């Protein structure tokens, strides 16, 4: 599994699997180290109180670029899931329809 994760991370960073700028590197997902320490089981690692990932970002033990890459990969996986599932497509469409309607009915700021 580590090899697959390293390949995904390296390719996501624009390099060859197992290397970054010509130097060997093994990048592992952020999940095992930080998410188990989060306060809530369904933590999205955003603004939730007690998020271990946000604490790691704040103290510098987790690089911001690594976290941003993780979030990007999560968005891509969600997009692929929606692409194949009509129910998820309908839910996404309804979400954006509600946002659009709320924006139309919002009073303009002066």
PDB file of N, CA and C in Angstrom:
ATOM      1  N   UNK A   1       0.825  -1.195   0.000  1.00  0.00           N
ATOM      2  CA  UNK A   1       0.000   0.000   0.000  1.00  0.00           C
ATOM      3  C   UNK A   1       0.867   1.256   0.000  1.00  0.00           C
ATOM      4  N   UNK A   2       1.983   1.222   0.706  1.00  0.00           N
ATOM      5  CA  UNK A   2       2.837   2.406   0.781  1.00  0.00           C
ATOM      6  C   UNK A   2       3.330   2.809  -0.591  1.00  0.00           C
ATOM      7  N   UNK A   3       3.625   1.833  -1.442  1.00  0.00           N
ATOM      8  CA  UNK A   3       4.107   2.146  -2.781  1.00  0.00           C
ATOM      9  C   UNK A   3       3.026   2.843  -3.596  1.00  0.00           C
ATOM     10  N   UNK A   4       1.782   2.370  -3.456  1.00  0.00           N
ATOM     11  CA  UNK A   4       0.684   3.003  -4.190  1.00  0.00           C
ATOM     12  C   UNK A   4       0.456   4.426  -3.718  1.00  0.00           C
ATOM     13  N   UNK A   5       0.513   4.638  -2.421  1.00  0.00           N
ATOM     14  CA  UNK A   5       0.328   5.971  -1.863  1.00  0.00           C
ATOM     15  C   UNK A   5       1.462   6.885  -2.307  1.00  0.00           C
ATOM     16  N   UNK A   6       2.686   6.378  -2.307  1.00  0.00           N
ATOM     17  CA  UNK A   6       3.835   7.172  -2.748  1.00  0.00           C
ATOM     18  C   UNK A   6       3.679   7.548  -4.212  1.00  0.00           C
ATOM     19  N   UNK A   7       3.205   6.618  -5.024  1.00  0.00           N
ATOM     20  CA  UNK A   7       3.014   6.906  -6.445  1.00  0.00           C
ATOM     21  C   UNK A   7       1.960   7.973  -6.645  1.00  0.00           C
ATOM     22  N   UNK A   8       0.854   7.876  -5.930  1.00  0.00           N
ATOM     23  CA  UNK A   8      -0.214   8.868  -6.043  1.00  0.00           C
ATOM     24  C   UNK A   8       0.298  10.234  -5.605  1.00  0.00           C
ATOM     25  N   UNK A   9       0.980  10.297  -4.472  1.00  0.00           N
ATOM     26  CA  UNK A   9       1.484  11.571  -3.967  1.00  0.00           C
ATOM     27  C   UNK A   9       2.513  12.176  -4.907  1.00  0.00           C
ATOM     28  N   UNK A  10       3.428  11.366  -5.395  1.00  0.00           N
ATOM     29  CA  UNK A  10       4.479  11.893  -6.261  1.00  0.00           C
ATOM     30  C   UNK A  10       3.890  12.410  -7.566  1.00  0.00           C
ATOM     31  N   UNK A  11       2.954  11.672  -8.142  1.00  0.00           N
ATOM     32  CA  UNK A  11       2.333  12.107  -9.383  1.00  0.00           C
ATOM     33  C   UNK A  11       1.513  13.363  -9.133  1.00  0.00           C
ATOM     34  N   UNK A  12       0.833  13.449  -7.992  1.00  0.00           N
ATOM     35  CA  UNK A  12       0.064  14.642  -7.654  1.00  0.00           C
ATOM     36  C   UNK A  12       0.975  15.851  -7.518  1.00  0.00           C
ATOM     37  N   UNK A  13       2.215  15.632  -7.111  1.00  0.00           N
ATOM     38  CA  UNK A  13       3.181  16.730  -6.983  1.00  0.00           C
ATOM     39  C   UNK A  13       3.883  17.016  -8.306  1.00  0.00           C
ATOM     40  N   UNK A  14       3.540  16.272  -9.362  1.00  0.00           N
ATOM     41  CA  UNK A  14       4.117  16.525 -10.670  1.00  0.00           C
ATOM     42  C   UNK A  14       5.409  15.782 -10.947  1.00  0.00           C
ATOM     43  N   UNK A  15       5.728  14.796 -10.146  1.00  0.00           N
ATOM     44  CA  UNK A  15       6.977  14.064 -10.350  1.00  0.00           C
ATOM     45  C   UNK A  15       6.727  12.616 -10.684  1.00  0.00           C
ATOM     46  N   UNK A  16       7.794  11.857 -10.715  1.00  0.00           N
ATOM     47  CA  UNK A  16       7.685  10.424 -10.943  1.00  0.00           C
ATOM     48  C   UNK A  16       7.404   9.745  -9.615  1.00  0.00           C
ATOM     49  N   UNK A  17       6.755   8.577  -9.640  1.00  0.00           N
ATOM     50  CA  UNK A  17       6.541   7.858  -8.392  1.00  0.00           C
ATOM     51  C   UNK A  17       7.861   7.586  -7.681  1.00  0.00           C
ATOM     52  N   UNK A  18       7.919   7.925  -6.425  1.00  0.00           N
ATOM     53  CA  UNK A  18       9.105   7.665  -5.630  1.00  0.00           C
ATOM     54  C   UNK A  18      10.174   8.723  -5.732  1.00  0.00           C
ATOM     55  N   UNK A  19       9.920   9.822  -6.427  1.00  0.00           N
ATOM     56  CA  UNK A  19      10.934  10.862  -6.513  1.00  0.00           C
ATOM     57  C   UNK A  19      10.275  12.234  -6.543  1.00  0.00           C
ATOM     58  N   UNK A  20      11.007  13.199  -6.064  1.00  0.00           N
ATOM     59  CA  UNK A  20      10.549  14.582  -6.116  1.00  0.00           C
ATOM     60  C   UNK A  20      11.775  15.431  -6.386  1.00  0.00           C
ATOM     61  N   UNK A  21      11.802  16.067  -7.546  1.00  0.00           N
ATOM     62  CA  UNK A  21      12.950  16.863  -7.973  1.00  0.00           C
ATOM     63  C   UNK A  21      14.232  16.027  -8.002  1.00  0.00           C
ATOM     64  N   UNK A  22      14.099  14.759  -8.409  1.00  0.00           N
ATOM     65  CA  UNK A  22      15.263  13.899  -8.514  1.00  0.00           C
ATOM     66  C   UNK A  22      15.682  13.241  -7.223  1.00  0.00           C
ATOM     67  N   UNK A  23      15.031  13.535  -6.118  1.00  0.00           N
ATOM     68  CA  UNK A  23      15.372  12.946  -4.825  1.00  0.00           C
ATOM     69  C   UNK A  23      14.316  11.922  -4.429  1.00  0.00           C
ATOM     70  N   UNK A  24      14.712  10.758  -3.944  1.00  0.00           N
ATOM     71  CA  UNK A  24      13.724   9.772  -3.521  1.00  0.00           C
ATOM     72  C   UNK A  24      12.931  10.286  -2.322  1.00  0.00           C
ATOM     73  N   UNK A  25      11.637   9.978  -2.336  1.00  0.00           N
ATOM     74  CA  UNK A  25      10.779  10.442  -1.248  1.00  0.00           C
ATOM     75  C   UNK A  25       9.633   9.453  -1.086  1.00  0.00           C
ATOM     76  N   UNK A  26       9.180   9.268   0.126  1.00  0.00           N
ATOM     77  CA  UNK A  26       8.024   8.433   0.408  1.00  0.00           C
ATOM     78  C   UNK A  26       7.013   9.302   1.124  1.00  0.00           C
ATOM     79  N   UNK A  27       5.942   9.615   0.438  1.00  0.00           N
ATOM     80  CA  UNK A  27       4.891  10.461   1.012  1.00  0.00           C
ATOM     81  C   UNK A  27       3.721   9.585   1.417  1.00  0.00           C
ATOM     82  N   UNK A  28       3.304   9.697   2.638  1.00  0.00           N
ATOM     83  CA  UNK A  28       2.185   8.913   3.134  1.00  0.00           C
ATOM     84  C   UNK A  28       0.988   9.820   3.368  1.00  0.00           C
ATOM     85  N   UNK A  29      -0.216   9.276   3.353  1.00  0.00           N
ATOM     86  CA  UNK A  29      -1.390  10.115   3.552  1.00  0.00           C
ATOM     87  C   UNK A  29      -1.401  10.711   4.956  1.00  0.00           C
ATOM     88  N   UNK A  30      -2.159  11.797   5.122  1.00  0.00           N
ATOM     89  CA  UNK A  30      -2.218  12.438   6.440  1.00  0.00           C
ATOM     90  C   UNK A  30      -3.124  11.675   7.392  1.00  0.00           C
ATOM     91  N   UNK A  31      -3.955  10.816   6.866  1.00  0.00           N
ATOM     92  CA  UNK A  31      -4.962  10.140   7.672  1.00  0.00           C
ATOM     93  C   UNK A  31      -4.446   9.418   8.921  1.00  0.00           C
ATOM     94  N   UNK A  32      -3.540   8.459   8.812  1.00  0.00           N
ATOM     95  CA  UNK A  32      -3.220   7.648   9.986  1.00  0.00           C
ATOM     96  C   UNK A  32      -2.673   8.432  11.176  1.00  0.00           C
ATOM     97  N   UNK A  33      -1.872   9.459  10.924  1.00  0.00           N
ATOM     98  CA  UNK A  33      -1.215  10.131  12.036  1.00  0.00           C
ATOM     99  C   UNK A  33      -2.100  11.141  12.742  1.00  0.00           C
ATOM    100  N   UNK A  34      -2.935  11.825  11.993  1.00  0.00           N
ATOM    101  CA  UNK A  34      -3.653  12.956  12.580  1.00  0.00           C
ATOM    102  C   UNK A  34      -5.141  12.720  12.802  1.00  0.00           C
ATOM    103  N   UNK A  35      -5.793  12.023  11.892  1.00  0.00           N
ATOM    104  CA  UNK A  35      -7.244  11.954  11.977  1.00  0.00           C
ATOM    105  C   UNK A  35      -7.735  11.146  13.173  1.00  0.00           C
ATOM    106  N   UNK A  36      -6.960  10.194  13.622  1.00  0.00           N
ATOM    107  CA  UNK A  36      -7.381   9.426  14.795  1.00  0.00           C
ATOM    108  C   UNK A  36      -7.374  10.284  16.049  1.00  0.00           C
ATOM    109  N   UNK A  37      -6.604  11.341  16.045  1.00  0.00           N
ATOM    110  CA  UNK A  37      -6.525  12.227  17.202  1.00  0.00           C
ATOM    111  C   UNK A  37      -7.560  13.350  17.152  1.00  0.00           C
ATOM    112  N   UNK A  38      -8.312  13.444  16.061  1.00  0.00           N
ATOM    113  CA  UNK A  38      -9.332  14.492  15.957  1.00  0.00           C
ATOM    114  C   UNK A  38     -10.442  14.250  16.980  1.00  0.00           C
ATOM    115  N   UNK A  39     -11.028  15.331  17.410  1.00  0.00           N
ATOM    116  CA  UNK A  39     -12.067  15.265  18.435  1.00  0.00           C
ATOM    117  C   UNK A  39     -13.315  14.537  17.944  1.00  0.00           C
ATOM    118  N   UNK A  40     -13.682  14.761  16.679  1.00  0.00           N
ATOM    119  CA  UNK A  40     -14.887  14.144  16.125  1.00  0.00           C
ATOM    120  C   UNK A  40     -14.503  13.103  15.080  1.00  0.00           C
ATOM    121  N   UNK A  41     -15.262  12.005  15.017  1.00  0.00           N
ATOM    122  CA  UNK A  41     -14.958  10.930  14.079  1.00  0.00           C
ATOM    123  C   UNK A  41     -15.145  11.366  12.632  1.00  0.00           C
ATOM    124  N   UNK A  42     -16.117  12.251  12.393  1.00  0.00           N
ATOM    125  CA  UNK A  42     -16.392  12.693  11.027  1.00  0.00           C
ATOM    126  C   UNK A  42     -15.770  14.058  10.726  1.00  0.00           C
ATOM    127  N   UNK A  43     -14.653  14.345  11.348  1.00  0.00           N
ATOM    128  CA  UNK A  43     -13.968  15.623  11.179  1.00  0.00           C
ATOM    129  C   UNK A  43     -13.583  15.814   9.715  1.00  0.00           C
ATOM    130  N   UNK A  44     -13.846  17.005   9.183  1.00  0.00           N
ATOM    131  CA  UNK A  44     -13.501  17.309   7.795  1.00  0.00           C
ATOM    132  C   UNK A  44     -12.198  18.093   7.722  1.00  0.00           C
ATOM    133  N   UNK A  45     -11.576  18.333   8.852  1.00  0.00           N
ATOM    134  CA  UNK A  45     -10.280  19.006   8.969  1.00  0.00           C
ATOM    135  C   UNK A  45     -10.335  20.442   8.459  1.00  0.00           C
ATOM    136  N   UNK A  46     -11.458  21.082   8.721  1.00  0.00           N
ATOM    137  CA  UNK A  46     -11.625  22.475   8.325  1.00  0.00           C
ATOM    138  C   UNK A  46     -11.576  23.378   9.539  1.00  0.00           C
ATOM    139  N   UNK A  47     -12.742  23.721  10.048  1.00  0.00           N
ATOM    140  CA  UNK A  47     -12.826  24.643  11.184  1.00  0.00           C
ATOM    141  C   UNK A  47     -13.374  23.983  12.446  1.00  0.00           C
ATOM    142  N   UNK A  48     -13.428  22.689  12.472  1.00  0.00           N
ATOM    143  CA  UNK A  48     -13.970  21.993  13.627  1.00  0.00           C
ATOM    144  C   UNK A  48     -13.051  22.182  14.842  1.00  0.00           C
ATOM    145  N   UNK A  49     -13.647  22.369  16.016  1.00  0.00           N
ATOM    146  CA  UNK A  49     -12.808  22.482  17.219  1.00  0.00           C
ATOM    147  C   UNK A  49     -12.190  21.129  17.555  1.00  0.00           C
ATOM    148  N   UNK A  50     -10.958  21.140  17.982  1.00  0.00           N
ATOM    149  CA  UNK A  50     -10.280  19.908  18.371  1.00  0.00           C
ATOM    150  C   UNK A  50      -9.742  19.107  17.206  1.00  0.00           C
ATOM    151  N   UNK A  51      -9.572  19.732  16.046  1.00  0.00           N
ATOM    152  CA  UNK A  51      -9.052  19.028  14.870  1.00  0.00           C
ATOM    153  C   UNK A  51      -7.536  18.898  14.986  1.00  0.00           C
ATOM    154  N   UNK A  52      -7.058  17.672  14.987  1.00  0.00           N
ATOM    155  CA  UNK A  52      -5.619  17.418  15.108  1.00  0.00           C
ATOM    156  C   UNK A  52      -4.868  17.840  13.848  1.00  0.00           C
ATOM    157  N   UNK A  53      -5.519  17.773  12.704  1.00  0.00           N
ATOM    158  CA  UNK A  53      -4.871  18.181  11.454  1.00  0.00           C
ATOM    159  C   UNK A  53      -4.624  19.689  11.475  1.00  0.00           C
ATOM    160  N   UNK A  54      -5.616  20.459  11.898  1.00  0.00           N
ATOM    161  CA  UNK A  54      -5.435  21.911  11.973  1.00  0.00           C
ATOM    162  C   UNK A  54      -4.369  22.271  13.010  1.00  0.00           C
ATOM    163  N   UNK A  55      -4.320  21.531  14.107  1.00  0.00           N
ATOM    164  CA  UNK A  55      -3.283  21.770  15.114  1.00  0.00           C
ATOM    165  C   UNK A  55      -1.898  21.465  14.535  1.00  0.00           C
ATOM    166  N   UNK A  56      -1.802  20.396  13.752  1.00  0.00           N
ATOM    167  CA  UNK A  56      -0.516  20.046  13.133  1.00  0.00           C
ATOM    168  C   UNK A  56      -0.092  21.098  12.108  1.00  0.00           C
ATOM    169  N   UNK A  57      -1.059  21.661  11.395  1.00  0.00           N
ATOM    170  CA  UNK A  57      -0.749  22.740  10.460  1.00  0.00           C
ATOM    171  C   UNK A  57      -0.251  23.970  11.209  1.00  0.00           C
ATOM    172  N   UNK A  58      -0.885  24.255  12.335  1.00  0.00           N
ATOM    173  CA  UNK A  58      -0.514  25.439  13.117  1.00  0.00           C
ATOM    174  C   UNK A  58       0.884  25.306  13.721  1.00  0.00           C
ATOM    175  N   UNK A  59       1.233  24.107  14.209  1.00  0.00           N
ATOM    176  CA  UNK A  59       2.558  23.963  14.832  1.00  0.00           C
ATOM    177  C   UNK A  59       3.652  23.592  13.836  1.00  0.00           C
ATOM    178  N   UNK A  60       3.283  23.405  12.566  1.00  0.00           N
ATOM    179  CA  UNK A  60       4.277  23.161  11.535  1.00  0.00           C
ATOM    180  C   UNK A  60       4.676  21.716  11.325  1.00  0.00           C
ATOM    181  N   UNK A  61       4.069  20.783  12.043  1.00  0.00           N
ATOM    182  CA  UNK A  61       4.440  19.380  11.861  1.00  0.00           C
ATOM    183  C   UNK A  61       3.801  18.770  10.605  1.00  0.00           C
ATOM    184  N   UNK A  62       2.829  19.461  10.026  1.00  0.00           N
ATOM    185  CA  UNK A  62       2.229  19.059   8.754  1.00  0.00           C
ATOM    186  C   UNK A  62       2.360  20.236   7.795  1.00  0.00           C
ATOM    187  N   UNK A  63       2.943  19.979   6.622  1.00  0.00           N
ATOM    188  CA  UNK A  63       3.158  21.040   5.649  1.00  0.00           C
ATOM    189  C   UNK A  63       1.838  21.462   5.010  1.00  0.00           C
ATOM    190  N   UNK A  64       1.669  22.751   4.788  1.00  0.00           N
ATOM    191  CA  UNK A  64       0.458  23.292   4.170  1.00  0.00           C
ATOM    192  C   UNK A  64       0.287  22.731   2.756  1.00  0.00           C
ATOM    193  N   UNK A  65       1.365  22.612   2.001  1.00  0.00           N
ATOM    194  CA  UNK A  65       1.279  22.094   0.630  1.00  0.00           C
ATOM    195  C   UNK A  65       0.771  20.654   0.626  1.00  0.00           C
ATOM    196  N   UNK A  66       1.202  19.870   1.588  1.00  0.00           N
ATOM    197  CA  UNK A  66       0.752  18.481   1.690  1.00  0.00           C
ATOM    198  C   UNK A  66      -0.737  18.413   1.990  1.00  0.00           C
ATOM    199  N   UNK A  67      -1.192  19.265   2.901  1.00  0.00           N
ATOM    200  CA  UNK A  67      -2.605  19.298   3.251  1.00  0.00           C
ATOM    201  C   UNK A  67      -3.439  19.775   2.065  1.00  0.00           C
ATOM    202  N   UNK A  68      -2.963  20.788   1.355  1.00  0.00           N
ATOM    203  CA  UNK A  68      -3.686  21.284   0.181  1.00  0.00           C
ATOM    204  C   UNK A  68      -3.788  20.203  -0.888  1.00  0.00           C
ATOM    205  N   UNK A  69      -2.720  19.437  -1.065  1.00  0.00           N
ATOM    206  CA  UNK A  69      -2.733  18.337  -2.018  1.00  0.00           C
ATOM    207  C   UNK A  69      -3.752  17.277  -1.601  1.00  0.00           C
ATOM    208  N   UNK A  70      -3.798  16.989  -0.301  1.00  0.00           N
ATOM    209  CA  UNK A  70      -4.771  16.033   0.232  1.00  0.00           C
ATOM    210  C   UNK A  70      -6.197  16.505  -0.061  1.00  0.00           C
ATOM    211  N   UNK A  71      -6.480  17.793   0.193  1.00  0.00           N
ATOM    212  CA  UNK A  71      -7.818  18.329  -0.041  1.00  0.00           C
ATOM    213  C   UNK A  71      -8.177  18.265  -1.524  1.00  0.00           C
ATOM    214  N   UNK A  72      -7.213  18.554  -2.381  1.00  0.00           N
ATOM    215  CA  UNK A  72      -7.451  18.499  -3.822  1.00  0.00           C
ATOM    216  C   UNK A  72      -7.794  17.073  -4.251  1.00  0.00           C
ATOM    217  N   UNK A  73      -7.047  16.098  -3.749  1.00  0.00           N
ATOM    218  CA  UNK A  73      -7.333  14.702  -4.081  1.00  0.00           C
ATOM    219  C   UNK A  73      -8.710  14.281  -3.576  1.00  0.00           C
ATOM    220  N   UNK A  74      -9.114  14.769  -2.410  1.00  0.00           N
ATOM    221  CA  UNK A  74     -10.438  14.452  -1.886  1.00  0.00           C
ATOM    222  C   UNK A  74     -11.532  15.032  -2.779  1.00  0.00           C
ATOM    223  N   UNK A  75     -11.327  16.271  -3.263  1.00  0.00           N
ATOM    224  CA  UNK A  75     -12.304  16.879  -4.179  1.00  0.00           C
ATOM    225  C   UNK A  75     -12.391  16.081  -5.483  1.00  0.00           C
ATOM    226  N   UNK A  76     -11.246  15.631  -5.990  1.00  0.00           N
ATOM    227  CA  UNK A  76     -11.239  14.848  -7.219  1.00  0.00           C
ATOM    228  C   UNK A  76     -11.963  13.515  -7.036  1.00  0.00           C
ATOM    229  N   UNK A  77     -11.762  12.869  -5.901  1.00  0.00           N
ATOM    230  CA  UNK A  77     -12.453  11.609  -5.628  1.00  0.00           C
ATOM    231  C   UNK A  77     -13.960  11.819  -5.517  1.00  0.00           C
ATOM    232  N   UNK A  78     -14.372  12.916  -4.884  1.00  0.00           N
ATOM    233  CA  UNK A  78     -15.796  13.225  -4.776  1.00  0.00           C
ATOM    234  C   UNK A  78     -16.396  13.481  -6.163  1.00  0.00           C
ATOM    235  N   UNK A  79     -15.653  14.180  -7.005  1.00  0.00           N
ATOM    236  CA  UNK A  79     -16.119  14.443  -8.370  1.00  0.00           C
ATOM    237  C   UNK A  79     -16.305  13.135  -9.137  1.00  0.00           C
ATOM    238  N   UNK A  80     -15.353  12.231  -9.022  1.00  0.00           N
ATOM    239  CA  UNK A  80     -15.465  10.945  -9.711  1.00  0.00           C
ATOM    240  C   UNK A  80     -16.647  10.139  -9.188  1.00  0.00           C
ATOM    241  N   UNK A  81     -16.902  10.211  -7.885  1.00  0.00           N
ATOM    242  CA  UNK A  81     -18.053   9.495  -7.314  1.00  0.00           C
ATOM    243  C   UNK A  81     -19.363  10.079  -7.852  1.00  0.00           C
ATOM    244  N   UNK A  82     -19.438  11.413  -7.944  1.00  0.00           N
ATOM    245  CA  UNK A  82     -20.650  12.060  -8.469  1.00  0.00           C
ATOM    246  C   UNK A  82     -20.853  11.731  -9.942  1.00  0.00           C
ATOM    247  N   UNK A  83     -19.770  11.583 -10.660  1.00  0.00           N
ATOM    248  CA  UNK A  83     -19.837  11.313 -12.091  1.00  0.00           C
ATOM    249  C   UNK A  83     -20.549   9.986 -12.381  1.00  0.00           C
ATOM    250  N   UNK A  84     -20.391   9.023 -11.492  1.00  0.00           N
ATOM    251  CA  UNK A  84     -20.954   7.692 -11.705  1.00  0.00           C
ATOM    252  C   UNK A  84     -22.260   7.436 -10.963  1.00  0.00           C
ATOM    253  N   UNK A  85     -22.662   8.326 -10.083  1.00  0.00           N
ATOM    254  CA  UNK A  85     -23.828   8.080  -9.238  1.00  0.00           C
ATOM    255  C   UNK A  85     -24.879   9.166  -9.473  1.00  0.00           C
ATOM    256  N   UNK A  86     -26.020   8.783 -10.038  1.00  0.00           N
ATOM    257  CA  UNK A  86     -27.089   9.740 -10.353  1.00  0.00           C
ATOM    258  C   UNK A  86     -27.625  10.415  -9.089  1.00  0.00           C
ATOM    259  N   UNK A  87     -27.680   9.681  -7.985  1.00  0.00           N
ATOM    260  CA  UNK A  87     -28.186  10.247  -6.740  1.00  0.00           C
ATOM    261  C   UNK A  87     -27.263  11.370  -6.245  1.00  0.00           C
ATOM    262  N   UNK A  88     -25.962  11.145  -6.328  1.00  0.00           N
ATOM    263  CA  UNK A  88     -25.012  12.178  -5.919  1.00  0.00           C
ATOM    264  C   UNK A  88     -25.042  13.372  -6.871  1.00  0.00           C
ATOM    265  N   UNK A  89     -25.255  13.116  -8.165  1.00  0.00           N
ATOM    266  CA  UNK A  89     -25.372  14.209  -9.126  1.00  0.00           C
ATOM    267  C   UNK A  89     -26.576  15.086  -8.793  1.00  0.00           C
ATOM    268  N   UNK A  90     -27.708  14.448  -8.465  1.00  0.00           N
ATOM    269  CA  UNK A  90     -28.919  15.201  -8.126  1.00  0.00           C
ATOM    270  C   UNK A  90     -28.714  16.013  -6.851  1.00  0.00           C
ATOM    271  N   UNK A  91     -28.031  15.429  -5.872  1.00  0.00           N
ATOM    272  CA  UNK A  91     -27.783  16.148  -4.615  1.00  0.00           C
ATOM    273  C   UNK A  91     -26.893  17.371  -4.855  1.00  0.00           C
ATOM    274  N   UNK A  92     -25.880  17.227  -5.693  1.00  0.00           N
ATOM    275  CA  UNK A  92     -24.995  18.358  -6.010  1.00  0.00           C
ATOM    276  C   UNK A  92     -25.749  19.438  -6.773  1.00  0.00           C
ATOM    277  N   UNK A  93     -26.583  19.033  -7.697  1.00  0.00           N
ATOM    278  CA  UNK A  93     -27.381  19.995  -8.461  1.00  0.00           C
ATOM    279  C   UNK A  93     -28.322  20.764  -7.546  1.00  0.00           C
ATOM    280  N   UNK A  94     -28.972  20.061  -6.626  1.00  0.00           N
ATOM    281  CA  UNK A  94     -29.873  20.729  -5.680  1.00  0.00           C
ATOM    282  C   UNK A  94     -29.124  21.683  -4.759  1.00  0.00           C
ATOM    283  N   UNK A  95     -27.930  21.297  -4.342  1.00  0.00           N
ATOM    284  CA  UNK A  95     -27.119  22.171  -3.487  1.00  0.00           C
ATOM    285  C   UNK A  95     -26.838  23.492  -4.187  1.00  0.00           C
ATOM    286  N   UNK A  96     -26.395  23.423  -5.434  1.00  0.00           N
ATOM    287  CA  UNK A  96     -26.055  24.635  -6.170  1.00  0.00           C
ATOM    288  C   UNK A  96     -27.290  25.426  -6.570  1.00  0.00           C
ATOM    289  N   UNK A  97     -28.408  24.739  -6.765  1.00  0.00           N
ATOM    290  CA  UNK A  97     -29.655  25.447  -7.058  1.00  0.00           C
ATOM    291  C   UNK A  97     -30.064  26.300  -5.862  1.00  0.00           C
ATOM    292  N   UNK A  98     -29.938  25.739  -4.654  1.00  0.00           N
ATOM    293  CA  UNK A  98     -30.270  26.485  -3.433  1.00  0.00           C
ATOM    294  C   UNK A  98     -29.336  27.682  -3.252  1.00  0.00           C
ATOM    295  N   UNK A  99     -28.060  27.478  -3.521  1.00  0.00           N
ATOM    296  CA  UNK A  99     -27.094  28.577  -3.390  1.00  0.00           C
ATOM    297  C   UNK A  99     -27.428  29.693  -4.379  1.00  0.00           C
ATOM    298  N   UNK A 100     -27.738  29.317  -5.613  1.00  0.00           N
ATOM    299  CA  UNK A 100     -28.067  30.306  -6.638  1.00  0.00           C
ATOM    300  C   UNK A 100     -29.324  31.083  -6.269  1.00  0.00           C
ATOM    301  N   UNK A 101     -30.342  30.381  -5.798  1.00  0.00           N
ATOM    302  CA  UNK A 101     -31.586  31.052  -5.415  1.00  0.00           C
ATOM    303  C   UNK A 101     -31.364  31.986  -4.228  1.00  0.00           C
ATOM    304  N   UNK A 102     -30.547  31.576  -3.283  1.00  0.00           N
ATOM    305  CA  UNK A 102     -30.253  32.431  -2.132  1.00  0.00           C
ATOM    306  C   UNK A 102     -29.513  33.694  -2.570  1.00  0.00           C
ATOM    307  N   UNK A 103     -28.608  33.547  -3.532  1.00  0.00           N
ATOM    308  CA  UNK A 103     -27.871  34.707  -4.035  1.00  0.00           C
ATOM    309  C   UNK A 103     -28.796  35.662  -4.794  1.00  0.00           C
ATOM    310  N   UNK A 104     -29.745  35.126  -5.534  1.00  0.00           N
ATOM    311  CA  UNK A 104     -30.687  35.972  -6.280  1.00  0.00           C
ATOM    312  C   UNK A 104     -31.582  36.782  -5.349  1.00  0.00           C
ATOM    313  N   UNK A 105     -31.967  36.172  -4.239  1.00  0.00           N
ATOM    314  CA  UNK A 105     -32.906  36.819  -3.321  1.00  0.00           C
ATOM    315  C   UNK A 105     -32.214  37.646  -2.251  1.00  0.00           C
ATOM    316  N   UNK A 106     -30.900  37.585  -2.196  1.00  0.00           N
ATOM    317  CA  UNK A 106     -30.157  38.360  -1.194  1.00  0.00           C
ATOM    318  C   UNK A 106     -30.214  39.834  -1.585  1.00  0.00           C
ATOM    319  N   UNK A 107     -30.320  40.670  -0.590  1.00  0.00           N
ATOM    320  CA  UNK A 107     -30.334  42.111  -0.838  1.00  0.00           C
ATOM    321  C   UNK A 107     -28.922  42.567  -1.186  1.00  0.00           C
ATOM    322  N   UNK A 108     -28.786  43.401  -2.206  1.00  0.00           N
ATOM    323  CA  UNK A 108     -27.448  43.892  -2.551  1.00  0.00           C
ATOM    324  C   UNK A 108     -26.910  44.833  -1.471  1.00  0.00           C
ATOM    325  N   UNK A 109     -25.620  44.763  -1.246  1.00  0.00           N
ATOM    326  CA  UNK A 109     -24.984  45.658  -0.260  1.00  0.00           C
ATOM    327  C   UNK A 109     -24.754  47.011  -0.895  1.00  0.00           C
ATOM    328  N   UNK A 110     -24.968  48.055  -0.127  1.00  0.00           N
ATOM    329  CA  UNK A 110     -24.754  49.417  -0.637  1.00  0.00           C
ATOM    330  C   UNK A 110     -23.665  50.095   0.117  1.00  0.00           C
TER     331      UNK A 110
END
